[in-house]
Amino acid sequence: MIKKVDHIGIAVKSIEEASKFYEGVLGQKISGIETLSSENLKTAFIQIGDVEIELLEATSSDSPVAKFIEKKGEGIQHIALEVDDIKESLEELKSKGVRLIDEVPKTGAEGSKIAFVHPKSTNGVLLELCQK
């Protein structure tokens, strides 16, 4: 079911401000900046080896990322696992009694199909399943 860790989502107040660290200090290139209006979100990716870091910036105060930052501050918001078939993976998890946030995949950044698994089923970690 799981192919690899695809990316780590980090909630930030400002992608522009965060880029000063990732580009200026670490020397990594930020790419793939995209606005997802349906999610009230702006994203940017940083490729590091086989895994990406996804910077997540809220575009409205009622977005999940804004609420996350308000409650916990900036930091790791989710871990994304790449799967071959997201619908099949969701059905398998559901059949095993895993609590899902999204029972049907939606379109995420870079056109991926995504769905989230509830942290109550994963020892407090928000997991995202993604299919490229």
C-alpha atoms as a PDB file:
ATOM      1  CA  MET A   1       0.000   0.000   0.000  1.00  0.00           C
ATOM      2  CA  ILE A   2       2.678   2.576   0.991  1.00  0.00           C
ATOM      3  CA  LYS A   3       5.455   3.357  -1.479  1.00  0.00           C
ATOM      4  CA  LYS A   4       7.438   5.949   0.465  1.00  0.00           C
ATOM      5  CA  VAL A   5       7.355   9.082   2.571  1.00  0.00           C
ATOM      6  CA  ASP A   6       6.470  11.683  -0.040  1.00  0.00           C
ATOM      7  CA  HIS A   7       6.710  14.908   1.926  1.00  0.00           C
ATOM      8  CA  ILE A   8       6.531  16.578   5.303  1.00  0.00           C
ATOM      9  CA  GLY A   9       4.067  19.453   5.599  1.00  0.00           C
ATOM     10  CA  ILE A  10       5.207  22.422   7.666  1.00  0.00           C
ATOM     11  CA  ALA A  11       2.732  25.135   8.623  1.00  0.00           C
ATOM     12  CA  VAL A  12       4.264  28.610   8.322  1.00  0.00           C
ATOM     13  CA  LYS A  13       2.863  32.090   8.709  1.00  0.00           C
ATOM     14  CA  SER A  14       4.643  33.216   5.548  1.00  0.00           C
ATOM     15  CA  ILE A  15       6.294  31.210   2.774  1.00  0.00           C
ATOM     16  CA  GLU A  16       8.303  34.312   1.907  1.00  0.00           C
ATOM     17  CA  GLU A  17       9.665  34.548   5.468  1.00  0.00           C
ATOM     18  CA  ALA A  18      10.285  30.782   5.707  1.00  0.00           C
ATOM     19  CA  SER A  19      12.184  30.866   2.404  1.00  0.00           C
ATOM     20  CA  LYS A  20      14.829  33.064   4.048  1.00  0.00           C
ATOM     21  CA  PHE A  21      15.832  30.027   6.115  1.00  0.00           C
ATOM     22  CA  TYR A  22      15.415  27.261   3.549  1.00  0.00           C
ATOM     23  CA  GLU A  23      17.001  29.161   0.654  1.00  0.00           C
ATOM     24  CA  GLY A  24      19.228  31.669   2.434  1.00  0.00           C
ATOM     25  CA  VAL A  25      20.602  29.467   5.209  1.00  0.00           C
ATOM     26  CA  LEU A  26      20.239  25.902   3.924  1.00  0.00           C
ATOM     27  CA  GLY A  27      20.774  26.760   0.258  1.00  0.00           C
ATOM     28  CA  GLN A  28      17.723  24.808  -0.912  1.00  0.00           C
ATOM     29  CA  LYS A  29      15.561  25.907  -3.841  1.00  0.00           C
ATOM     30  CA  ILE A  30      11.864  26.528  -3.264  1.00  0.00           C
ATOM     31  CA  SER A  31       9.682  25.574  -6.215  1.00  0.00           C
ATOM     32  CA  GLY A  32       6.139  24.679  -7.047  1.00  0.00           C
ATOM     33  CA  ILE A  33       4.512  27.658  -5.337  1.00  0.00           C
ATOM     34  CA  GLU A  34       0.782  27.166  -5.788  1.00  0.00           C
ATOM     35  CA  THR A  35      -2.440  28.567  -4.371  1.00  0.00           C
ATOM     36  CA  LEU A  36      -5.218  26.094  -3.597  1.00  0.00           C
ATOM     37  CA  SER A  37      -8.280  28.319  -3.303  1.00  0.00           C
ATOM     38  CA  SER A  38     -10.529  25.424  -2.313  1.00  0.00           C
ATOM     39  CA  GLU A  39      -8.330  24.789   0.744  1.00  0.00           C
ATOM     40  CA  ASN A  40      -7.555  28.470   1.563  1.00  0.00           C
ATOM     41  CA  LEU A  41      -3.905  27.551   1.227  1.00  0.00           C
ATOM     42  CA  LYS A  42      -0.683  28.500  -0.522  1.00  0.00           C
ATOM     43  CA  THR A  43       2.008  25.816  -0.821  1.00  0.00           C
ATOM     44  CA  ALA A  44       5.650  25.642  -1.833  1.00  0.00           C
ATOM     45  CA  PHE A  45       7.925  22.620  -2.147  1.00  0.00           C
ATOM     46  CA  ILE A  46      11.579  22.057  -1.348  1.00  0.00           C
ATOM     47  CA  GLN A  47      13.173  18.863  -2.709  1.00  0.00           C
ATOM     48  CA  ILE A  48      15.658  17.264  -0.311  1.00  0.00           C
ATOM     49  CA  GLY A  49      16.847  13.911  -1.570  1.00  0.00           C
ATOM     50  CA  ASP A  50      13.843  11.658  -2.200  1.00  0.00           C
ATOM     51  CA  VAL A  51      11.559  13.610   0.147  1.00  0.00           C
ATOM     52  CA  GLU A  52      10.036  17.045  -0.193  1.00  0.00           C
ATOM     53  CA  ILE A  53       9.218  19.615   2.443  1.00  0.00           C
ATOM     54  CA  GLU A  54       5.906  21.325   1.760  1.00  0.00           C
ATOM     55  CA  LEU A  55       5.521  24.787   3.251  1.00  0.00           C
ATOM     56  CA  LEU A  56       1.871  25.562   4.001  1.00  0.00           C
ATOM     57  CA  GLU A  57       0.645  29.153   4.342  1.00  0.00           C
ATOM     58  CA  ALA A  58      -2.977  29.941   5.154  1.00  0.00           C
ATOM     59  CA  THR A  59      -4.734  32.394   2.846  1.00  0.00           C
ATOM     60  CA  SER A  60      -7.644  32.925   5.248  1.00  0.00           C
ATOM     61  CA  SER A  61      -8.086  32.846   9.008  1.00  0.00           C
ATOM     62  CA  ASP A  62     -10.582  29.963   8.847  1.00  0.00           C
ATOM     63  CA  SER A  63      -8.306  27.525   6.993  1.00  0.00           C
ATOM     64  CA  PRO A  64      -7.076  24.366   8.752  1.00  0.00           C
ATOM     65  CA  VAL A  65      -3.490  25.662   8.558  1.00  0.00           C
ATOM     66  CA  ALA A  66      -4.414  28.984  10.218  1.00  0.00           C
ATOM     67  CA  LYS A  67      -6.203  27.077  12.982  1.00  0.00           C
ATOM     68  CA  PHE A  68      -3.197  24.777  13.396  1.00  0.00           C
ATOM     69  CA  ILE A  69      -0.802  27.734  13.760  1.00  0.00           C
ATOM     70  CA  GLU A  70      -3.173  29.471  16.175  1.00  0.00           C
ATOM     71  CA  LYS A  71      -3.347  26.369  18.372  1.00  0.00           C
ATOM     72  CA  LYS A  72       0.179  24.929  18.085  1.00  0.00           C
ATOM     73  CA  GLY A  73       2.333  27.545  16.368  1.00  0.00           C
ATOM     74  CA  GLU A  74       4.382  27.034  13.246  1.00  0.00           C
ATOM     75  CA  GLY A  75       5.822  23.568  12.714  1.00  0.00           C
ATOM     76  CA  ILE A  76       5.228  20.105  11.327  1.00  0.00           C
ATOM     77  CA  GLN A  77       1.563  19.795  10.406  1.00  0.00           C
ATOM     78  CA  HIS A  78       1.480  16.442   8.573  1.00  0.00           C
ATOM     79  CA  ILE A  79       3.463  13.600   7.039  1.00  0.00           C
ATOM     80  CA  ALA A  80       2.457  12.454   3.570  1.00  0.00           C
ATOM     81  CA  LEU A  81       2.779   8.870   2.394  1.00  0.00           C
ATOM     82  CA  GLU A  82       2.691   8.077  -1.307  1.00  0.00           C
ATOM     83  CA  VAL A  83       0.444   5.175  -2.299  1.00  0.00           C
ATOM     84  CA  ASP A  84      -0.177   3.429  -5.618  1.00  0.00           C
ATOM     85  CA  ASP A  85      -3.967   3.522  -5.448  1.00  0.00           C
ATOM     86  CA  ILE A  86      -5.476   6.008  -3.023  1.00  0.00           C
ATOM     87  CA  LYS A  87      -9.054   4.719  -3.310  1.00  0.00           C
ATOM     88  CA  GLU A  88      -7.920   1.173  -2.557  1.00  0.00           C
ATOM     89  CA  SER A  89      -5.775   2.402   0.342  1.00  0.00           C
ATOM     90  CA  LEU A  90      -8.684   4.339   1.851  1.00  0.00           C
ATOM     91  CA  GLU A  91     -10.977   1.312   1.561  1.00  0.00           C
ATOM     92  CA  GLU A  92      -8.384  -0.908   3.221  1.00  0.00           C
ATOM     93  CA  LEU A  93      -7.876   1.530   6.097  1.00  0.00           C
ATOM     94  CA  LYS A  94     -11.627   1.962   6.529  1.00  0.00           C
ATOM     95  CA  SER A  95     -12.126  -1.830   6.606  1.00  0.00           C
ATOM     96  CA  LYS A  96      -9.582  -1.989   9.433  1.00  0.00           C
ATOM     97  CA  GLY A  97     -11.522   0.572  11.480  1.00  0.00           C
ATOM     98  CA  VAL A  98      -9.162   3.482  10.861  1.00  0.00           C
ATOM     99  CA  ARG A  99     -10.807   6.890  11.246  1.00  0.00           C
ATOM    100  CA  LEU A 100     -10.529   8.964   8.081  1.00  0.00           C
ATOM    101  CA  ILE A 101     -10.912  12.700   7.619  1.00  0.00           C
ATOM    102  CA  ASP A 102     -11.438  12.222   3.876  1.00  0.00           C
ATOM    103  CA  GLU A 103     -13.201   9.087   2.705  1.00  0.00           C
ATOM    104  CA  VAL A 104     -12.996  10.297  -0.903  1.00  0.00           C
ATOM    105  CA  PRO A 105      -9.773  11.671  -2.404  1.00  0.00           C
ATOM    106  CA  LYS A 106      -9.566  15.324  -3.384  1.00  0.00           C
ATOM    107  CA  THR A 107      -7.119  17.245  -5.543  1.00  0.00           C
ATOM    108  CA  GLY A 108      -4.099  18.615  -3.733  1.00  0.00           C
ATOM    109  CA  ALA A 109      -0.941  20.474  -4.679  1.00  0.00           C
ATOM    110  CA  GLU A 110       0.734  19.556  -7.947  1.00  0.00           C
ATOM    111  CA  GLY A 111      -2.467  17.785  -9.029  1.00  0.00           C
ATOM    112  CA  SER A 112      -1.990  14.871  -6.635  1.00  0.00           C
ATOM    113  CA  LYS A 113      -4.973  12.956  -5.299  1.00  0.00           C
ATOM    114  CA  ILE A 114      -4.923  13.305  -1.510  1.00  0.00           C
ATOM    115  CA  ALA A 115      -6.846  12.226   1.589  1.00  0.00           C
ATOM    116  CA  PHE A 116      -6.149  12.649   5.286  1.00  0.00           C
ATOM    117  CA  VAL A 117      -6.207  10.038   8.048  1.00  0.00           C
ATOM    118  CA  HIS A 118      -7.429  11.299  11.426  1.00  0.00           C
ATOM    119  CA  PRO A 119      -4.720  11.753  14.090  1.00  0.00           C
ATOM    120  CA  LYS A 120      -6.863   9.843  16.608  1.00  0.00           C
ATOM    121  CA  SER A 121      -6.091   6.684  14.613  1.00  0.00           C
ATOM    122  CA  THR A 122      -2.373   7.409  14.170  1.00  0.00           C
ATOM    123  CA  ASN A 123      -1.062   8.217  17.651  1.00  0.00           C
ATOM    124  CA  GLY A 124      -1.564  11.944  17.175  1.00  0.00           C
ATOM    125  CA  VAL A 125       0.028  12.337  13.726  1.00  0.00           C
ATOM    126  CA  LEU A 126      -1.950  13.794  10.832  1.00  0.00           C
ATOM    127  CA  LEU A 127      -1.199  11.505   7.887  1.00  0.00           C
ATOM    128  CA  GLU A 128      -1.867  12.415   4.293  1.00  0.00           C
ATOM    129  CA  LEU A 129      -2.123   9.739   1.650  1.00  0.00           C
ATOM    130  CA  CYS A 130      -1.172  10.960  -1.806  1.00  0.00           C
ATOM    131  CA  GLN A 131      -1.210   9.475  -5.262  1.00  0.00           C
ATOM    132  CA  LYS A 132       0.827  11.253  -7.926  1.00  0.00           C
END
